[in-house]
Amino acid sequence: MKPVSATVRLCYCATVSVALIIFLIYSQVAADKAYGRIFIDINEPVPRPLLLGIQVHGEDPEAKKYAKELLTVITDDLTYTGLFSSIDEKLFLEPPHGFFKPENWRPLGADAVIKVNLHITQNTLKAMLAIYDVNEGIQIFKKEYSGEPGLLRSIGHVVARDVYKRFTDSEPPFEAKILYIGLVDGKKSLFIMDWDGARLRRLGISAETIISPRWSQELRSLAYTQRDGRRWSIKVVDFNTMTQKTVFESTGLLLSGDFVDKNSLLITMTELDNQDIFLLNLETSKTKKLITGYGIDIDPALSPKKDKFLFISDRSGSPQVYIAEISGYNIKRLTYKGSYNTSARWSPSGDSFVYVGTVNGKNQIFLQRFDTDEPVQLTDKGNNEEPVFSPDGRFITFCSDRDGIWKIYIMRLDGSGQRPLTTGYGFSPVWIK
């Protein structure tokens, strides 16, 4: 094993912009007394979906070309959450360009109406959002957005975000990206896409094998493992400077874990033909052993508070999920159901974790709270692996071969709404926000 410190600037096969900029012009927000009259408690087990009338109107011929796509982005974002449903536009009694009249919406059972007016000036697309409370018959929110027409989908995600926040007081993942491992000419490559699978772009990173990508939102950095021939290496991509650096190499298996801070990374490393968990100093490339023992100890996943980590060990005779303090002490077994459990990841709230368990010879995804040892099975079709929570904790991305090829999928926290995000090969999704 040897430390490596060379830095290489990334080359892109397509333009990648992780943080797209949209100029927002704030207008008017309703008075406090109106705020909260319609509200979704997302902590309820099964909250009643709000019924929305959603309309987008292009005020000029050029803007009309964009209206349908913007409507689709906003509607898909909101309805996929399961917290909102939309009225079929064929039932509307009020045209998109018409003034809001509550009597046009009450017969349809609408809780609220979303109206967006589009127009284009000097190659700048401007969208004016207005939200109306049907029961009260008043406008409760107004905001203007602008950006280049090429940022239409980004504007749609931001509009949907503001609608979601207005009714839940919570932050959705609509603006987040999903990075994953795909295939190009037989080699593994890194790709990035919107949370809904749109705007797929390829990063200029390919190798014989790429595994175990891990993202740090705080550092805006990605760590992953690469193998070329017999050489294993851990690399870190700094998204602030868009540079890549090899931080550690070995001839034995290496797996990147989570960032503890800017100078340290949890890793799995082979030592004396045994896989153990170490803390890697990113400045000096020195390692400190945290977890060892007979058998295999691998795949550390850091807690949101960074005081503990999950890992997989077969010290009990079969792979199971364990937890330890960041020091490596106070090890405790967490999973007792099933004989082969792997790939454990924390929820952002820290009160639960997901993992992969074997059922009738197939790998399935389970959710388990820390206050119980009773897991909930979320998938049942094909093999399902690599689960990871969205930044808000209400969605889980994973990969599945249920259609004959490994693809990236997404589902709600309760396992509902499972759908593919990619059409080609995809593995190891990671949320980036």
Protein backbone atom coordinates (compact mmCIF):
# COMPACT_ATOMS: atom_id res chain seq x y z
CA MET A 1 0.00 0.00 0.00
CA LYS A 2 1.26 3.46 -0.76
CA PRO A 3 0.00 7.01 -0.46
CA VAL A 4 -0.65 9.02 -3.60
CA SER A 5 -1.16 12.76 -3.80
CA ALA A 6 -1.21 13.59 -7.52
CA THR A 7 -4.12 15.76 -8.58
CA VAL A 8 -5.73 15.44 -12.01
CA ARG A 9 -8.21 17.93 -13.43
CA LEU A 10 -11.34 16.25 -14.70
CA CYS A 11 -12.23 16.01 -18.36
CA TYR A 12 -15.90 15.91 -19.29
CA CYS A 13 -17.57 14.15 -22.18
CA ALA A 14 -20.59 16.40 -21.58
CA THR A 15 -21.08 19.63 -19.71
CA VAL A 16 -21.98 18.97 -16.10
CA SER A 17 -23.41 21.55 -13.78
CA VAL A 18 -24.25 20.20 -10.35
CA ALA A 19 -25.40 23.55 -8.99
CA LEU A 20 -27.53 25.20 -11.66
CA ILE A 21 -28.20 28.85 -11.02
CA ILE A 22 -31.67 30.26 -11.41
CA PHE A 23 -32.35 33.91 -10.70
CA LEU A 24 -35.28 34.24 -8.36
CA ILE A 25 -37.21 37.45 -7.90
CA TYR A 26 -39.31 37.33 -4.78
CA SER A 27 -42.64 39.06 -4.99
CA GLN A 28 -45.36 38.60 -2.45
CA VAL A 29 -46.05 36.05 0.24
CA ALA A 30 -49.48 35.94 1.85
CA ALA A 31 -50.18 37.32 5.28
CA ASP A 32 -49.34 35.12 8.26
CA LYS A 33 -53.00 34.50 9.02
CA ALA A 34 -53.42 32.71 5.68
CA TYR A 35 -50.30 30.62 6.15
CA GLY A 36 -51.05 27.15 7.44
CA ARG A 37 -54.77 27.02 6.62
CA ILE A 38 -53.90 24.23 4.19
CA PHE A 39 -51.10 22.11 5.59
CA ILE A 40 -49.83 18.56 5.16
CA ASP A 41 -48.34 16.90 8.22
CA ILE A 42 -45.75 14.68 6.54
CA ASN A 43 -45.16 12.90 9.86
CA GLU A 44 -48.63 11.36 9.76
CA PRO A 45 -48.58 7.67 8.75
CA VAL A 46 -50.88 8.24 5.76
CA PRO A 47 -51.54 11.95 5.18
CA ARG A 48 -54.42 12.84 2.88
CA PRO A 49 -53.07 14.04 -0.47
CA LEU A 50 -53.97 17.61 -1.35
CA LEU A 51 -55.95 17.88 -4.58
CA LEU A 52 -54.41 20.50 -6.85
CA GLY A 53 -55.48 22.22 -10.01
CA ILE A 54 -52.20 22.93 -11.85
CA GLN A 55 -52.15 25.28 -14.85
CA VAL A 56 -49.28 26.70 -16.90
CA HIS A 57 -49.94 29.39 -19.51
CA GLY A 58 -47.52 30.65 -22.16
CA GLU A 59 -48.23 34.34 -22.65
CA ASP A 60 -46.50 34.56 -26.05
CA PRO A 61 -46.02 32.07 -28.93
CA GLU A 62 -42.45 31.21 -27.95
CA ALA A 63 -43.38 30.68 -24.30
CA LYS A 64 -46.25 28.38 -25.29
CA LYS A 65 -43.63 25.90 -26.58
CA TYR A 66 -42.30 25.51 -23.04
CA ALA A 67 -45.58 25.52 -21.12
CA LYS A 68 -46.39 21.82 -21.53
CA GLU A 69 -42.97 20.61 -20.41
CA LEU A 70 -42.98 22.93 -17.41
CA LEU A 71 -46.45 21.66 -16.44
CA THR A 72 -45.20 18.07 -16.68
CA VAL A 73 -42.15 18.72 -14.47
CA ILE A 74 -44.17 20.46 -11.77
CA THR A 75 -47.00 17.91 -11.79
CA ASP A 76 -44.69 14.87 -11.81
CA ASP A 77 -42.56 16.22 -8.95
CA LEU A 78 -45.53 16.94 -6.72
CA THR A 79 -47.67 13.87 -7.44
CA TYR A 80 -44.81 11.38 -7.12
CA THR A 81 -44.39 12.36 -3.47
CA GLY A 82 -47.80 10.84 -2.72
CA LEU A 83 -48.68 14.02 -0.83
CA PHE A 84 -50.43 15.67 -3.78
CA SER A 85 -52.79 14.61 -6.54
CA SER A 86 -53.76 16.64 -9.59
CA ILE A 87 -57.06 17.23 -11.32
CA ASP A 88 -57.32 16.11 -14.95
CA GLU A 89 -57.11 19.26 -17.05
CA LYS A 90 -60.10 18.02 -19.11
CA LEU A 91 -62.26 18.77 -16.07
CA PHE A 92 -61.09 22.35 -15.63
CA LEU A 93 -63.81 24.97 -15.69
CA GLU A 94 -61.27 27.79 -15.84
CA PRO A 95 -58.72 28.33 -18.66
CA PRO A 96 -55.00 28.58 -17.75
CA HIS A 97 -54.96 32.27 -18.69
CA GLY A 98 -58.16 33.02 -16.77
CA PHE A 99 -58.39 34.78 -13.42
CA PHE A 100 -58.75 32.51 -10.40
CA LYS A 101 -62.36 32.08 -9.33
CA PRO A 102 -62.94 29.71 -6.40
CA GLU A 103 -66.41 28.78 -7.71
CA ASN A 104 -64.70 27.16 -10.71
CA TRP A 105 -62.71 24.83 -8.48
CA ARG A 106 -64.94 23.96 -5.54
CA PRO A 107 -67.14 21.60 -7.61
CA LEU A 108 -63.96 19.68 -8.53
CA GLY A 109 -62.98 19.24 -4.88
CA ALA A 110 -59.74 21.18 -5.30
CA ASP A 111 -57.87 22.21 -2.17
CA ALA A 112 -55.58 24.65 -3.97
CA VAL A 113 -54.86 25.97 -7.46
CA ILE A 114 -51.37 26.46 -8.89
CA LYS A 115 -51.10 28.93 -11.76
CA VAL A 116 -47.87 29.67 -13.62
CA ASN A 117 -47.62 32.31 -16.35
CA LEU A 118 -44.65 32.10 -18.73
CA HIS A 119 -43.17 34.70 -21.03
CA ILE A 120 -39.82 35.13 -22.79
CA THR A 121 -37.92 38.42 -23.03
CA GLN A 122 -34.46 38.70 -24.63
CA ASN A 123 -33.81 34.97 -24.35
CA THR A 124 -34.82 34.99 -20.68
CA LEU A 125 -37.70 32.82 -19.58
CA LYS A 126 -39.76 34.29 -16.76
CA ALA A 127 -42.30 32.30 -14.75
CA MET A 128 -44.76 33.82 -12.31
CA LEU A 129 -46.15 31.39 -9.74
CA ALA A 130 -49.36 32.06 -7.85
CA ILE A 131 -50.96 29.68 -5.33
CA TYR A 132 -54.62 30.02 -4.35
CA ASP A 133 -56.55 28.58 -1.42
CA VAL A 134 -59.85 27.38 -2.92
CA ASN A 135 -61.76 27.20 0.36
CA GLU A 136 -60.76 30.71 1.43
CA GLY A 137 -60.85 32.03 -2.13
CA ILE A 138 -57.60 33.94 -1.71
CA GLN A 139 -54.07 34.04 -3.10
CA ILE A 140 -51.62 32.69 -0.52
CA PHE A 141 -48.30 32.75 -2.38
CA LYS A 142 -46.68 34.56 -5.31
CA LYS A 143 -43.16 34.42 -6.70
CA GLU A 144 -41.31 35.10 -9.94
CA TYR A 145 -38.47 33.04 -11.41
CA SER A 146 -36.23 33.68 -14.40
CA GLY A 147 -33.46 31.94 -16.27
CA GLU A 148 -32.32 30.82 -19.68
CA PRO A 149 -34.81 28.63 -21.57
CA GLY A 150 -32.32 25.76 -21.28
CA LEU A 151 -32.93 25.81 -17.53
CA LEU A 152 -36.64 25.13 -17.95
CA ARG A 153 -36.57 21.83 -16.04
CA SER A 154 -34.57 23.44 -13.24
CA ILE A 155 -37.16 26.20 -13.00
CA GLY A 156 -39.89 23.55 -12.89
CA HIS A 157 -38.16 21.74 -10.02
CA VAL A 158 -37.78 25.02 -8.09
CA VAL A 159 -41.44 25.93 -8.61
CA ALA A 160 -42.47 22.45 -7.41
CA ARG A 161 -40.15 22.86 -4.43
CA ASP A 162 -41.81 26.10 -3.39
CA VAL A 163 -45.29 24.60 -3.72
CA TYR A 164 -44.19 21.60 -1.64
CA LYS A 165 -42.60 23.81 1.02
CA ARG A 166 -45.66 26.05 1.18
CA PHE A 167 -47.89 23.14 2.17
CA THR A 168 -45.48 21.00 4.21
CA ASP A 169 -42.90 23.43 5.61
CA SER A 170 -40.30 20.83 4.53
CA GLU A 171 -37.57 20.67 1.90
CA PRO A 172 -38.13 18.17 -0.97
CA PRO A 173 -35.36 16.59 -3.09
CA PHE A 174 -36.59 17.97 -6.42
CA GLU A 175 -33.38 19.93 -7.09
CA ALA A 176 -31.06 17.10 -6.08
CA LYS A 177 -29.00 15.06 -8.54
CA ILE A 178 -28.34 11.34 -8.54
CA LEU A 179 -24.89 10.09 -9.41
CA TYR A 180 -24.47 6.43 -10.34
CA ILE A 181 -22.19 3.92 -12.04
CA GLY A 182 -23.03 3.09 -15.65
CA LEU A 183 -21.35 1.33 -18.57
CA VAL A 184 -19.53 2.81 -21.57
CA ASP A 185 -17.76 0.50 -24.04
CA GLY A 186 -17.51 -2.24 -21.45
CA LYS A 187 -16.01 0.03 -18.79
CA LYS A 188 -17.62 1.43 -15.68
CA SER A 189 -18.30 5.18 -15.84
CA LEU A 190 -19.87 7.78 -13.60
CA PHE A 191 -23.11 9.45 -14.68
CA ILE A 192 -25.30 12.13 -13.15
CA MET A 193 -29.00 12.90 -13.65
CA ASP A 194 -31.89 14.82 -12.13
CA TRP A 195 -33.84 13.18 -9.33
CA ASP A 196 -36.51 12.14 -11.84
CA GLY A 197 -34.02 10.55 -14.27
CA ALA A 198 -34.01 13.44 -16.75
CA ARG A 199 -30.99 15.30 -18.17
CA LEU A 200 -28.61 12.35 -17.99
CA ARG A 201 -24.97 13.40 -18.36
CA ARG A 202 -21.70 11.53 -18.26
CA LEU A 203 -18.74 12.50 -16.10
CA GLY A 204 -15.33 12.00 -17.66
CA ILE A 205 -14.41 9.17 -15.29
CA SER A 206 -14.10 5.56 -16.52
CA ALA A 207 -12.18 2.48 -15.43
CA GLU A 208 -12.22 -1.30 -15.53
CA THR A 209 -14.03 -1.25 -12.19
CA ILE A 210 -15.61 1.60 -10.24
CA ILE A 211 -17.41 0.85 -6.98
CA SER A 212 -18.47 2.33 -3.65
CA PRO A 213 -19.14 6.02 -4.47
CA ARG A 214 -19.72 8.14 -1.36
CA TRP A 215 -20.78 11.81 -1.27
CA SER A 216 -20.13 14.51 1.33
CA GLN A 217 -22.60 17.38 1.04
CA GLU A 218 -20.61 19.40 3.55
CA LEU A 219 -17.40 19.12 1.53
CA ARG A 220 -19.07 18.78 -1.89
CA SER A 221 -16.71 15.91 -2.53
CA LEU A 222 -17.10 12.39 -3.90
CA ALA A 223 -14.96 9.43 -2.87
CA TYR A 224 -14.97 6.17 -4.84
CA THR A 225 -12.89 3.06 -5.46
CA GLN A 226 -11.29 2.25 -8.79
CA ARG A 227 -9.57 -0.91 -9.94
CA ASP A 228 -7.31 -1.28 -12.96
CA GLY A 229 -5.77 -4.74 -13.23
CA ARG A 230 -4.51 -5.69 -9.75
CA ARG A 231 -4.25 -2.09 -8.59
CA TRP A 232 -6.94 -0.73 -6.27
CA SER A 233 -7.16 2.99 -5.53
CA ILE A 234 -9.40 5.39 -3.66
CA LYS A 235 -10.02 8.67 -5.42
CA VAL A 236 -11.63 11.91 -4.28
CA VAL A 237 -13.38 14.32 -6.64
CA ASP A 238 -13.69 17.90 -5.38
CA PHE A 239 -16.81 19.37 -6.99
CA ASN A 240 -15.81 22.86 -5.86
CA THR A 241 -12.74 22.86 -8.10
CA MET A 242 -13.75 19.94 -10.36
CA THR A 243 -10.46 18.17 -9.75
CA GLN A 244 -9.72 14.57 -8.88
CA LYS A 245 -7.02 13.20 -6.61
CA THR A 246 -5.86 9.67 -5.86
CA VAL A 247 -5.57 9.47 -2.06
CA PHE A 248 -4.66 5.82 -1.44
CA GLU A 249 -3.57 2.70 -3.35
CA SER A 250 -3.21 -1.00 -2.59
CA THR A 251 -2.88 -4.36 -4.32
CA GLY A 252 -5.62 -5.70 -2.03
CA LEU A 253 -9.33 -4.87 -1.98
CA LEU A 254 -10.12 -1.26 -1.06
CA LEU A 255 -13.59 0.17 -0.53
CA SER A 256 -14.35 3.81 0.10
CA GLY A 257 -16.59 4.61 3.04
CA ASP A 258 -17.98 7.97 4.19
CA PHE A 259 -16.12 11.21 4.86
CA VAL A 260 -15.75 11.90 8.59
CA ASP A 261 -14.35 15.37 7.92
CA LYS A 262 -12.20 17.08 5.30
CA ASN A 263 -9.13 15.18 6.44
CA SER A 264 -10.45 11.67 7.12
CA LEU A 265 -12.37 8.94 5.35
CA LEU A 266 -13.71 5.62 6.55
CA ILE A 267 -12.47 2.77 4.33
CA THR A 268 -12.41 -1.00 4.05
CA MET A 269 -8.92 -2.38 3.43
CA THR A 270 -7.45 -5.84 3.02
CA GLU A 271 -4.67 -6.62 5.45
CA LEU A 272 -3.17 -10.10 5.82
CA ASP A 273 -5.94 -11.50 3.57
CA ASN A 274 -8.60 -10.09 5.88
CA GLN A 275 -10.97 -7.16 5.29
CA ASP A 276 -11.10 -4.67 8.16
CA ILE A 277 -12.31 -1.10 8.68
CA PHE A 278 -9.84 1.77 8.91
CA LEU A 279 -9.81 5.53 9.20
CA LEU A 280 -7.75 7.06 6.38
CA ASN A 281 -6.03 10.41 6.91
CA LEU A 282 -6.43 12.19 3.58
CA GLU A 283 -3.50 14.51 4.25
CA THR A 284 -0.88 11.96 5.26
CA SER A 285 -2.41 8.76 3.75
CA LYS A 286 -1.84 7.06 7.09
CA THR A 287 -4.47 4.58 8.32
CA LYS A 288 -5.83 3.75 11.74
CA LYS A 289 -7.54 0.41 12.30
CA LEU A 290 -11.02 0.76 13.83
CA ILE A 291 -12.68 -2.64 13.44
CA THR A 292 -10.96 -6.00 13.16
CA GLY A 293 -11.58 -9.60 14.09
CA TYR A 294 -11.95 -13.06 12.66
CA GLY A 295 -13.83 -12.98 9.39
CA ILE A 296 -14.84 -9.95 7.36
CA ASP A 297 -15.66 -6.40 8.55
CA ILE A 298 -16.57 -4.10 5.67
CA ASP A 299 -18.65 -1.22 4.28
CA PRO A 300 -18.72 1.49 7.01
CA ALA A 301 -21.57 4.02 6.76
CA LEU A 302 -21.35 7.11 8.95
CA SER A 303 -24.27 8.35 11.05
CA PRO A 304 -25.74 11.84 10.40
CA LYS A 305 -24.22 13.02 13.69
CA LYS A 306 -20.85 11.46 12.71
CA ASP A 307 -20.53 9.79 16.08
CA LYS A 308 -21.25 6.20 14.98
CA PHE A 309 -21.14 4.03 11.90
CA LEU A 310 -22.87 0.97 10.54
CA PHE A 311 -20.85 -1.87 9.05
CA ILE A 312 -21.20 -5.44 7.84
CA SER A 313 -19.54 -8.34 9.63
CA ASP A 314 -19.74 -12.12 9.49
CA ARG A 315 -18.35 -12.50 13.02
CA SER A 316 -21.60 -14.22 14.03
CA GLY A 317 -21.28 -16.78 11.24
CA SER A 318 -23.12 -14.92 8.46
CA PRO A 319 -23.08 -11.30 7.20
CA GLN A 320 -25.12 -9.04 9.49
CA VAL A 321 -25.47 -5.31 10.18
CA TYR A 322 -23.54 -3.95 13.17
CA ILE A 323 -23.08 -0.54 14.73
CA ALA A 324 -20.03 0.95 16.46
CA GLU A 325 -18.92 4.28 17.87
CA ILE A 326 -16.63 6.31 15.63
CA SER A 327 -13.75 5.13 17.79
CA GLY A 328 -14.52 1.53 16.81
CA TYR A 329 -15.69 0.62 20.32
CA ASN A 330 -19.09 -0.53 21.68
CA ILE A 331 -19.95 -2.81 18.80
CA LYS A 332 -23.55 -4.02 18.68
CA ARG A 333 -25.39 -6.30 16.28
CA LEU A 334 -28.55 -4.79 14.75
CA THR A 335 -30.04 -7.39 12.39
CA TYR A 336 -31.25 -10.81 13.51
CA LYS A 337 -33.76 -11.64 10.78
CA GLY A 338 -32.28 -13.40 7.75
CA SER A 339 -28.94 -15.10 7.24
CA TYR A 340 -27.29 -12.72 4.77
CA ASN A 341 -27.65 -8.96 5.32
CA THR A 342 -25.48 -6.27 3.69
CA SER A 343 -25.33 -2.67 2.36
CA ALA A 344 -26.64 -0.79 5.40
CA ARG A 345 -27.24 2.97 5.10
CA TRP A 346 -28.52 5.55 7.62
CA SER A 347 -31.62 7.66 7.18
CA PRO A 348 -30.94 11.44 7.29
CA SER A 349 -32.96 11.68 10.52
CA GLY A 350 -30.79 8.98 12.10
CA ASP A 351 -33.74 6.99 13.45
CA SER A 352 -33.64 4.12 10.93
CA PHE A 353 -31.53 2.39 8.29
CA VAL A 354 -32.00 0.41 5.10
CA TYR A 355 -30.16 -2.74 4.17
CA VAL A 356 -30.20 -5.65 1.74
CA GLY A 357 -31.29 -9.11 2.90
CA THR A 358 -31.72 -12.42 1.10
CA VAL A 359 -35.25 -13.85 0.72
CA ASN A 360 -35.78 -17.11 -1.18
CA GLY A 361 -32.46 -16.69 -2.96
CA LYS A 362 -33.14 -13.07 -4.03
CA ASN A 363 -31.76 -9.85 -2.56
CA GLN A 364 -34.45 -7.53 -1.18
CA ILE A 365 -34.40 -4.16 0.54
CA PHE A 366 -35.49 -3.75 4.15
CA LEU A 367 -36.12 -0.77 6.40
CA GLN A 368 -35.48 -1.06 10.12
CA ARG A 369 -35.80 1.45 12.94
CA PHE A 370 -33.15 1.59 15.62
CA ASP A 371 -35.74 1.15 18.36
CA THR A 372 -36.83 -2.27 17.02
CA ASP A 373 -35.33 -5.40 15.50
CA GLU A 374 -38.36 -5.94 13.25
CA PRO A 375 -37.47 -5.01 9.65
CA VAL A 376 -40.01 -4.03 6.98
CA GLN A 377 -39.49 -5.53 3.54
CA LEU A 378 -39.81 -2.89 0.80
CA THR A 379 -39.10 -4.81 -2.43
CA ASP A 380 -40.15 -8.23 -3.73
CA LYS A 381 -39.35 -8.33 -7.47
CA GLY A 382 -36.01 -9.52 -8.83
CA ASN A 383 -32.78 -8.70 -7.02
CA ASN A 384 -32.53 -5.29 -5.35
CA GLU A 385 -29.35 -3.76 -3.97
CA GLU A 386 -27.48 -0.58 -2.98
CA PRO A 387 -30.33 1.32 -1.23
CA VAL A 388 -29.72 4.92 -0.20
CA PHE A 389 -32.00 7.62 1.24
CA SER A 390 -32.80 10.90 -0.49
CA PRO A 391 -31.63 14.05 1.36
CA ASP A 392 -35.09 14.53 2.91
CA GLY A 393 -35.36 10.86 3.89
CA ARG A 394 -38.72 10.31 2.15
CA PHE A 395 -37.40 8.40 -0.87
CA ILE A 396 -34.98 5.55 -1.47
CA THR A 397 -32.97 4.97 -4.61
CA PHE A 398 -31.65 1.50 -5.35
CA CYS A 399 -30.66 -0.76 -8.23
CA SER A 400 -32.65 -3.76 -9.46
CA ASP A 401 -32.42 -6.41 -12.15
CA ARG A 402 -36.19 -7.05 -12.19
CA ASP A 403 -36.36 -6.13 -15.89
CA GLY A 404 -33.40 -8.28 -16.91
CA ILE A 405 -30.74 -5.58 -16.57
CA TRP A 406 -29.48 -3.65 -13.57
CA LYS A 407 -31.10 -0.20 -13.52
CA ILE A 408 -31.47 2.63 -11.03
CA TYR A 409 -34.90 2.75 -9.36
CA ILE A 410 -36.63 5.00 -6.87
CA MET A 411 -39.42 4.37 -4.36
CA ARG A 412 -41.16 6.15 -1.53
CA LEU A 413 -40.17 5.43 2.05
CA ASP A 414 -42.95 2.85 2.46
CA GLY A 415 -41.92 0.97 -0.69
CA SER A 416 -44.68 2.37 -2.89
CA GLY A 417 -44.19 4.04 -6.26
CA GLN A 418 -41.27 1.89 -7.40
CA ARG A 419 -40.16 2.98 -10.86
CA PRO A 420 -36.94 2.97 -12.95
CA LEU A 421 -34.92 6.13 -13.48
CA THR A 422 -32.52 4.73 -16.08
CA THR A 423 -33.08 2.70 -19.24
CA GLY A 424 -29.55 1.28 -19.37
CA TYR A 425 -27.21 -0.30 -16.84
CA GLY A 426 -27.01 1.49 -13.51
CA PHE A 427 -25.57 0.66 -10.09
CA SER A 428 -24.64 2.34 -6.79
CA PRO A 429 -26.81 5.50 -6.79
CA VAL A 430 -25.67 8.47 -4.69
CA TRP A 431 -27.71 11.60 -3.97
CA ILE A 432 -26.00 14.94 -4.57
CA LYS A 433 -27.54 18.23 -3.49
